[in-house]
Amino acid sequence: FKIGQRIEQALLTCSLLRSNLVFRQESSTEYILLEDLLILTESLHTYRVRYRAAPSYLPVLHLLLLDPGNPRSIRYQTRK
């Protein structure tokens, strides 16, 4: 049961990243897009605590893809 939830969460995060981060946007649009992405993945609070800065591409990607301490990251969801 848990493995199915983890797979669904990882797939959802991949889909959100793929559909929202394909093209570079103007800075005002980029900020809104990245913040909305963090909200959708329930990671906005974690991002603010860890980075204490406005959302930008590399930290958001790290948090959502590779961060082993973020329960919403793909790495966390696919660990054994």
PDB file of N, CA and C in Angstrom:
ATOM      1  N   PHE A   1       0.829  -1.204   0.000  1.00  0.00           N
ATOM      2  CA  PHE A   1       0.000   0.000   0.000  1.00  0.00           C
ATOM      3  C   PHE A   1       0.863   1.255   0.000  1.00  0.00           C
ATOM      4  N   LYS A   2       1.851   1.324   0.870  1.00  0.00           N
ATOM      5  CA  LYS A   2       2.712   2.508   0.933  1.00  0.00           C
ATOM      6  C   LYS A   2       3.520   2.700  -0.341  1.00  0.00           C
ATOM      7  N   ILE A   3       3.975   1.593  -0.938  1.00  0.00           N
ATOM      8  CA  ILE A   3       4.778   1.715  -2.150  1.00  0.00           C
ATOM      9  C   ILE A   3       3.973   2.360  -3.267  1.00  0.00           C
ATOM     10  N   GLY A   4       2.699   2.047  -3.353  1.00  0.00           N
ATOM     11  CA  GLY A   4       1.842   2.665  -4.362  1.00  0.00           C
ATOM     12  C   GLY A   4       1.707   4.164  -4.153  1.00  0.00           C
ATOM     13  N   GLN A   5       1.554   4.581  -2.912  1.00  0.00           N
ATOM     14  CA  GLN A   5       1.463   6.012  -2.609  1.00  0.00           C
ATOM     15  C   GLN A   5       2.758   6.717  -2.961  1.00  0.00           C
ATOM     16  N   ARG A   6       3.886   6.091  -2.636  1.00  0.00           N
ATOM     17  CA  ARG A   6       5.191   6.707  -2.932  1.00  0.00           C
ATOM     18  C   ARG A   6       5.411   6.841  -4.436  1.00  0.00           C
ATOM     19  N   ILE A   7       5.025   5.819  -5.177  1.00  0.00           N
ATOM     20  CA  ILE A   7       5.161   5.875  -6.638  1.00  0.00           C
ATOM     21  C   ILE A   7       4.273   6.981  -7.202  1.00  0.00           C
ATOM     22  N   GLU A   8       3.044   7.062  -6.737  1.00  0.00           N
ATOM     23  CA  GLU A   8       2.135   8.117  -7.207  1.00  0.00           C
ATOM     24  C   GLU A   8       2.679   9.500  -6.877  1.00  0.00           C
ATOM     25  N   GLN A   9       3.224   9.685  -5.669  1.00  0.00           N
ATOM     26  CA  GLN A   9       3.780  10.980  -5.270  1.00  0.00           C
ATOM     27  C   GLN A   9       4.969  11.346  -6.156  1.00  0.00           C
ATOM     28  N   ALA A  10       5.854  10.385  -6.404  1.00  0.00           N
ATOM     29  CA  ALA A  10       7.018  10.637  -7.263  1.00  0.00           C
ATOM     30  C   ALA A  10       6.587  10.975  -8.687  1.00  0.00           C
ATOM     31  N   LEU A  11       5.614  10.251  -9.221  1.00  0.00           N
ATOM     32  CA  LEU A  11       5.120  10.526 -10.577  1.00  0.00           C
ATOM     33  C   LEU A  11       4.448  11.898 -10.665  1.00  0.00           C
ATOM     34  N   LEU A  12       3.695  12.254  -9.645  1.00  0.00           N
ATOM     35  CA  LEU A  12       3.053  13.568  -9.618  1.00  0.00           C
ATOM     36  C   LEU A  12       4.104  14.676  -9.613  1.00  0.00           C
ATOM     37  N   THR A  13       5.120  14.520  -8.791  1.00  0.00           N
ATOM     38  CA  THR A  13       6.186  15.527  -8.728  1.00  0.00           C
ATOM     39  C   THR A  13       6.903  15.629 -10.066  1.00  0.00           C
ATOM     40  N   CYS A  14       7.214  14.492 -10.689  1.00  0.00           N
ATOM     41  CA  CYS A  14       7.854  14.501 -12.017  1.00  0.00           C
ATOM     42  C   CYS A  14       6.986  15.225 -13.035  1.00  0.00           C
ATOM     43  N   SER A  15       5.708  14.933 -13.021  1.00  0.00           N
ATOM     44  CA  SER A  15       4.781  15.551 -13.968  1.00  0.00           C
ATOM     45  C   SER A  15       4.702  17.055 -13.758  1.00  0.00           C
ATOM     46  N   LEU A  16       4.626  17.483 -12.512  1.00  0.00           N
ATOM     47  CA  LEU A  16       4.566  18.917 -12.218  1.00  0.00           C
ATOM     48  C   LEU A  16       5.839  19.625 -12.663  1.00  0.00           C
ATOM     49  N   LEU A  17       6.980  19.021 -12.386  1.00  0.00           N
ATOM     50  CA  LEU A  17       8.251  19.623 -12.798  1.00  0.00           C
ATOM     51  C   LEU A  17       8.354  19.696 -14.316  1.00  0.00           C
ATOM     52  N   ARG A  18       8.001  18.613 -14.967  1.00  0.00           N
ATOM     53  CA  ARG A  18       8.100  18.564 -16.430  1.00  0.00           C
ATOM     54  C   ARG A  18       7.185  19.586 -17.096  1.00  0.00           C
ATOM     55  N   SER A  19       5.977  19.726 -16.587  1.00  0.00           N
ATOM     56  CA  SER A  19       5.027  20.626 -17.240  1.00  0.00           C
ATOM     57  C   SER A  19       5.239  22.087 -16.888  1.00  0.00           C
ATOM     58  N   ASN A  20       5.916  22.373 -15.785  1.00  0.00           N
ATOM     59  CA  ASN A  20       6.073  23.762 -15.359  1.00  0.00           C
ATOM     60  C   ASN A  20       7.461  24.341 -15.565  1.00  0.00           C
ATOM     61  N   LEU A  21       8.460  23.507 -15.720  1.00  0.00           N
ATOM     62  CA  LEU A  21       9.824  24.031 -15.790  1.00  0.00           C
ATOM     63  C   LEU A  21      10.506  23.764 -17.121  1.00  0.00           C
ATOM     64  N   VAL A  22       9.735  23.643 -18.174  1.00  0.00           N
ATOM     65  CA  VAL A  22      10.296  23.350 -19.486  1.00  0.00           C
ATOM     66  C   VAL A  22      10.960  24.583 -20.089  1.00  0.00           C
ATOM     67  N   PHE A  23      10.317  25.727 -19.991  1.00  0.00           N
ATOM     68  CA  PHE A  23      10.835  26.948 -20.602  1.00  0.00           C
ATOM     69  C   PHE A  23      11.174  27.984 -19.540  1.00  0.00           C
ATOM     70  N   ARG A  24      12.207  28.731 -19.789  1.00  0.00           N
ATOM     71  CA  ARG A  24      12.604  29.822 -18.901  1.00  0.00           C
ATOM     72  C   ARG A  24      11.573  30.936 -19.035  1.00  0.00           C
ATOM     73  N   GLN A  25      11.209  31.543 -17.914  1.00  0.00           N
ATOM     74  CA  GLN A  25      10.186  32.585 -17.890  1.00  0.00           C
ATOM     75  C   GLN A  25      10.797  33.916 -17.456  1.00  0.00           C
ATOM     76  N   GLU A  26      10.041  34.982 -17.594  1.00  0.00           N
ATOM     77  CA  GLU A  26      10.452  36.268 -17.039  1.00  0.00           C
ATOM     78  C   GLU A  26      10.538  36.113 -15.527  1.00  0.00           C
ATOM     79  N   SER A  27      11.334  36.948 -14.869  1.00  0.00           N
ATOM     80  CA  SER A  27      11.576  36.763 -13.435  1.00  0.00           C
ATOM     81  C   SER A  27      10.305  36.836 -12.595  1.00  0.00           C
ATOM     82  N   SER A  28       9.378  37.737 -12.930  1.00  0.00           N
ATOM     83  CA  SER A  28       8.139  37.829 -12.142  1.00  0.00           C
ATOM     84  C   SER A  28       7.281  36.578 -12.325  1.00  0.00           C
ATOM     85  N   THR A  29       7.217  36.077 -13.539  1.00  0.00           N
ATOM     86  CA  THR A  29       6.468  34.851 -13.819  1.00  0.00           C
ATOM     87  C   THR A  29       7.163  33.650 -13.194  1.00  0.00           C
ATOM     88  N   GLU A  30       8.487  33.624 -13.271  1.00  0.00           N
ATOM     89  CA  GLU A  30       9.269  32.529 -12.695  1.00  0.00           C
ATOM     90  C   GLU A  30       9.015  32.414 -11.194  1.00  0.00           C
ATOM     91  N   TYR A  31       9.006  33.538 -10.503  1.00  0.00           N
ATOM     92  CA  TYR A  31       8.766  33.535  -9.061  1.00  0.00           C
ATOM     93  C   TYR A  31       7.405  32.914  -8.733  1.00  0.00           C
ATOM     94  N   ILE A  32       6.381  33.352  -9.435  1.00  0.00           N
ATOM     95  CA  ILE A  32       5.019  32.836  -9.186  1.00  0.00           C
ATOM     96  C   ILE A  32       4.954  31.347  -9.512  1.00  0.00           C
ATOM     97  N   LEU A  33       5.530  30.954 -10.628  1.00  0.00           N
ATOM     98  CA  LEU A  33       5.516  29.559 -11.054  1.00  0.00           C
ATOM     99  C   LEU A  33       6.219  28.659 -10.038  1.00  0.00           C
ATOM    100  N   LEU A  34       7.401  29.056  -9.600  1.00  0.00           N
ATOM    101  CA  LEU A  34       8.148  28.248  -8.637  1.00  0.00           C
ATOM    102  C   LEU A  34       7.452  28.196  -7.274  1.00  0.00           C
ATOM    103  N   GLU A  35       6.906  29.322  -6.849  1.00  0.00           N
ATOM    104  CA  GLU A  35       6.194  29.334  -5.573  1.00  0.00           C
ATOM    105  C   GLU A  35       4.948  28.443  -5.650  1.00  0.00           C
ATOM    106  N   ASP A  36       4.217  28.517  -6.739  1.00  0.00           N
ATOM    107  CA  ASP A  36       3.042  27.645  -6.910  1.00  0.00           C
ATOM    108  C   ASP A  36       3.445  26.171  -6.934  1.00  0.00           C
ATOM    109  N   LEU A  37       4.558  25.874  -7.567  1.00  0.00           N
ATOM    110  CA  LEU A  37       5.052  24.504  -7.608  1.00  0.00           C
ATOM    111  C   LEU A  37       5.382  24.004  -6.195  1.00  0.00           C
ATOM    112  N   LEU A  38       5.997  24.857  -5.398  1.00  0.00           N
ATOM    113  CA  LEU A  38       6.298  24.497  -4.011  1.00  0.00           C
ATOM    114  C   LEU A  38       5.017  24.308  -3.196  1.00  0.00           C
ATOM    115  N   ILE A  39       4.024  25.130  -3.458  1.00  0.00           N
ATOM    116  CA  ILE A  39       2.738  24.988  -2.761  1.00  0.00           C
ATOM    117  C   ILE A  39       2.081  23.663  -3.146  1.00  0.00           C
ATOM    118  N   LEU A  40       2.049  23.358  -4.437  1.00  0.00           N
ATOM    119  CA  LEU A  40       1.413  22.124  -4.917  1.00  0.00           C
ATOM    120  C   LEU A  40       2.079  20.868  -4.351  1.00  0.00           C
ATOM    121  N   THR A  41       3.376  20.937  -4.129  1.00  0.00           N
ATOM    122  CA  THR A  41       4.100  19.781  -3.602  1.00  0.00           C
ATOM    123  C   THR A  41       4.235  19.837  -2.082  1.00  0.00           C
ATOM    124  N   GLU A  42       3.547  20.790  -1.479  1.00  0.00           N
ATOM    125  CA  GLU A  42       3.566  20.962  -0.017  1.00  0.00           C
ATOM    126  C   GLU A  42       4.988  21.139   0.507  1.00  0.00           C
ATOM    127  N   SER A  43       5.799  21.912  -0.222  1.00  0.00           N
ATOM    128  CA  SER A  43       7.198  22.105   0.137  1.00  0.00           C
ATOM    129  C   SER A  43       7.572  23.570   0.336  1.00  0.00           C
ATOM    130  N   LEU A  44       6.608  24.461   0.302  1.00  0.00           N
ATOM    131  CA  LEU A  44       6.926  25.888   0.423  1.00  0.00           C
ATOM    132  C   LEU A  44       7.555  26.210   1.782  1.00  0.00           C
ATOM    133  N   HIS A  45       6.985  25.694   2.850  1.00  0.00           N
ATOM    134  CA  HIS A  45       7.532  25.964   4.189  1.00  0.00           C
ATOM    135  C   HIS A  45       8.960  25.419   4.300  1.00  0.00           C
ATOM    136  N   THR A  46       9.165  24.199   3.821  1.00  0.00           N
ATOM    137  CA  THR A  46      10.502  23.597   3.868  1.00  0.00           C
ATOM    138  C   THR A  46      11.490  24.447   3.088  1.00  0.00           C
ATOM    139  N   TYR A  47      11.085  24.911   1.911  1.00  0.00           N
ATOM    140  CA  TYR A  47      11.956  25.745   1.090  1.00  0.00           C
ATOM    141  C   TYR A  47      12.335  27.028   1.840  1.00  0.00           C
ATOM    142  N   ARG A  48      11.351  27.680   2.426  1.00  0.00           N
ATOM    143  CA  ARG A  48      11.609  28.949   3.125  1.00  0.00           C
ATOM    144  C   ARG A  48      12.533  28.763   4.321  1.00  0.00           C
ATOM    145  N   VAL A  49      12.360  27.677   5.047  1.00  0.00           N
ATOM    146  CA  VAL A  49      13.212  27.416   6.209  1.00  0.00           C
ATOM    147  C   VAL A  49      14.641  27.116   5.767  1.00  0.00           C
ATOM    148  N   ARG A  50      14.802  26.324   4.734  1.00  0.00           N
ATOM    149  CA  ARG A  50      16.141  25.912   4.311  1.00  0.00           C
ATOM    150  C   ARG A  50      16.899  26.972   3.535  1.00  0.00           C
ATOM    151  N   TYR A  51      16.221  27.676   2.653  1.00  0.00           N
ATOM    152  CA  TYR A  51      16.932  28.578   1.746  1.00  0.00           C
ATOM    153  C   TYR A  51      16.801  30.052   2.106  1.00  0.00           C
ATOM    154  N   ARG A  52      15.750  30.416   2.795  1.00  0.00           N
ATOM    155  CA  ARG A  52      15.540  31.807   3.226  1.00  0.00           C
ATOM    156  C   ARG A  52      15.759  32.802   2.080  1.00  0.00           C
ATOM    157  N   ALA A  53      15.227  32.466   0.939  1.00  0.00           N
ATOM    158  CA  ALA A  53      15.364  33.312  -0.250  1.00  0.00           C
ATOM    159  C   ALA A  53      14.166  33.068  -1.155  1.00  0.00           C
ATOM    160  N   ALA A  54      14.007  33.966  -2.115  1.00  0.00           N
ATOM    161  CA  ALA A  54      12.946  33.791  -3.110  1.00  0.00           C
ATOM    162  C   ALA A  54      13.226  32.522  -3.909  1.00  0.00           C
ATOM    163  N   PRO A  55      12.192  31.821  -4.325  1.00  0.00           N
ATOM    164  CA  PRO A  55      12.398  30.587  -5.088  1.00  0.00           C
ATOM    165  C   PRO A  55      13.183  30.835  -6.378  1.00  0.00           C
ATOM    166  N   SER A  56      14.148  29.959  -6.633  1.00  0.00           N
ATOM    167  CA  SER A  56      14.864  29.973  -7.908  1.00  0.00           C
ATOM    168  C   SER A  56      15.044  28.527  -8.361  1.00  0.00           C
ATOM    169  N   TYR A  57      15.339  28.361  -9.639  1.00  0.00           N
ATOM    170  CA  TYR A  57      15.305  27.042 -10.257  1.00  0.00           C
ATOM    171  C   TYR A  57      16.138  25.973  -9.542  1.00  0.00           C
ATOM    172  N   LEU A  58      17.418  26.212  -9.370  1.00  0.00           N
ATOM    173  CA  LEU A  58      18.280  25.157  -8.836  1.00  0.00           C
ATOM    174  C   LEU A  58      17.900  24.715  -7.427  1.00  0.00           C
ATOM    175  N   PRO A  59      17.670  25.635  -6.487  1.00  0.00           N
ATOM    176  CA  PRO A  59      17.256  25.158  -5.161  1.00  0.00           C
ATOM    177  C   PRO A  59      15.915  24.429  -5.166  1.00  0.00           C
ATOM    178  N   VAL A  60      14.970  24.893  -5.988  1.00  0.00           N
ATOM    179  CA  VAL A  60      13.667  24.213  -6.071  1.00  0.00           C
ATOM    180  C   VAL A  60      13.854  22.813  -6.646  1.00  0.00           C
ATOM    181  N   LEU A  61      14.639  22.687  -7.697  1.00  0.00           N
ATOM    182  CA  LEU A  61      14.898  21.369  -8.275  1.00  0.00           C
ATOM    183  C   LEU A  61      15.588  20.451  -7.277  1.00  0.00           C
ATOM    184  N   HIS A  62      16.557  20.976  -6.560  1.00  0.00           N
ATOM    185  CA  HIS A  62      17.241  20.160  -5.555  1.00  0.00           C
ATOM    186  C   HIS A  62      16.262  19.682  -4.492  1.00  0.00           C
ATOM    187  N   LEU A  63      15.440  20.586  -3.998  1.00  0.00           N
ATOM    188  CA  LEU A  63      14.494  20.237  -2.943  1.00  0.00           C
ATOM    189  C   LEU A  63      13.491  19.186  -3.411  1.00  0.00           C
ATOM    190  N   LEU A  64      13.003  19.317  -4.630  1.00  0.00           N
ATOM    191  CA  LEU A  64      11.951  18.418  -5.112  1.00  0.00           C
ATOM    192  C   LEU A  64      12.464  17.141  -5.769  1.00  0.00           C
ATOM    193  N   LEU A  65      13.709  17.148  -6.210  1.00  0.00           N
ATOM    194  CA  LEU A  65      14.261  15.958  -6.857  1.00  0.00           C
ATOM    195  C   LEU A  65      15.203  15.163  -5.962  1.00  0.00           C
ATOM    196  N   LEU A  66      16.155  15.837  -5.337  1.00  0.00           N
ATOM    197  CA  LEU A  66      17.294  15.146  -4.736  1.00  0.00           C
ATOM    198  C   LEU A  66      17.397  15.185  -3.222  1.00  0.00           C
ATOM    199  N   ASP A  67      16.635  16.009  -2.568  1.00  0.00           N
ATOM    200  CA  ASP A  67      16.800  16.196  -1.126  1.00  0.00           C
ATOM    201  C   ASP A  67      16.310  14.971  -0.349  1.00  0.00           C
ATOM    202  N   PRO A  68      17.223  14.239   0.292  1.00  0.00           N
ATOM    203  CA  PRO A  68      16.816  13.033   1.012  1.00  0.00           C
ATOM    204  C   PRO A  68      16.021  13.330   2.285  1.00  0.00           C
ATOM    205  N   GLY A  69      16.074  14.563   2.754  1.00  0.00           N
ATOM    206  CA  GLY A  69      15.347  14.937   3.965  1.00  0.00           C
ATOM    207  C   GLY A  69      13.969  15.518   3.713  1.00  0.00           C
ATOM    208  N   ASN A  70      13.624  15.737   2.461  1.00  0.00           N
ATOM    209  CA  ASN A  70      12.305  16.286   2.130  1.00  0.00           C
ATOM    210  C   ASN A  70      11.363  15.136   1.770  1.00  0.00           C
ATOM    211  N   PRO A  71      10.351  14.885   2.591  1.00  0.00           N
ATOM    212  CA  PRO A  71       9.435  13.772   2.316  1.00  0.00           C
ATOM    213  C   PRO A  71       8.692  13.895   0.990  1.00  0.00           C
ATOM    214  N   ARG A  72       8.708  15.051   0.365  1.00  0.00           N
ATOM    215  CA  ARG A  72       8.038  15.240  -0.926  1.00  0.00           C
ATOM    216  C   ARG A  72       8.988  15.084  -2.114  1.00  0.00           C
ATOM    217  N   SER A  73      10.286  14.901  -1.857  1.00  0.00           N
ATOM    218  CA  SER A  73      11.230  14.789  -2.966  1.00  0.00           C
ATOM    219  C   SER A  73      11.149  13.409  -3.609  1.00  0.00           C
ATOM    220  N   ILE A  74      11.550  13.364  -4.867  1.00  0.00           N
ATOM    221  CA  ILE A  74      11.533  12.092  -5.586  1.00  0.00           C
ATOM    222  C   ILE A  74      12.533  11.130  -4.966  1.00  0.00           C
ATOM    223  N   ARG A  75      13.683  11.640  -4.570  1.00  0.00           N
ATOM    224  CA  ARG A  75      14.678  10.772  -3.927  1.00  0.00           C
ATOM    225  C   ARG A  75      14.112  10.142  -2.659  1.00  0.00           C
ATOM    226  N   TYR A  76      13.440  10.918  -1.851  1.00  0.00           N
ATOM    227  CA  TYR A  76      12.834  10.395  -0.615  1.00  0.00           C
ATOM    228  C   TYR A  76      11.784   9.344  -0.932  1.00  0.00           C
ATOM    229  N   GLN A  77      10.958   9.617  -1.921  1.00  0.00           N
ATOM    230  CA  GLN A  77       9.862   8.706  -2.272  1.00  0.00           C
ATOM    231  C   GLN A  77      10.361   7.384  -2.861  1.00  0.00           C
ATOM    232  N   THR A  78      11.531   7.395  -3.498  1.00  0.00           N
ATOM    233  CA  THR A  78      12.012   6.189  -4.158  1.00  0.00           C
ATOM    234  C   THR A  78      13.117   5.477  -3.373  1.00  0.00           C
ATOM    235  N   ARG A  79      13.371   5.916  -2.170  1.00  0.00           N
ATOM    236  CA  ARG A  79      14.379   5.216  -1.360  1.00  0.00           C
ATOM    237  C   ARG A  79      13.831   3.855  -0.948  1.00  0.00           C
ATOM    238  N   LYS A  80      14.737   2.975  -0.562  1.00  0.00           N
ATOM    239  CA  LYS A  80      14.247   1.642  -0.172  1.00  0.00           C
ATOM    240  C   LYS A  80      13.850   1.560   1.271  1.00  0.00           C
TER     241      LYS A  80
END
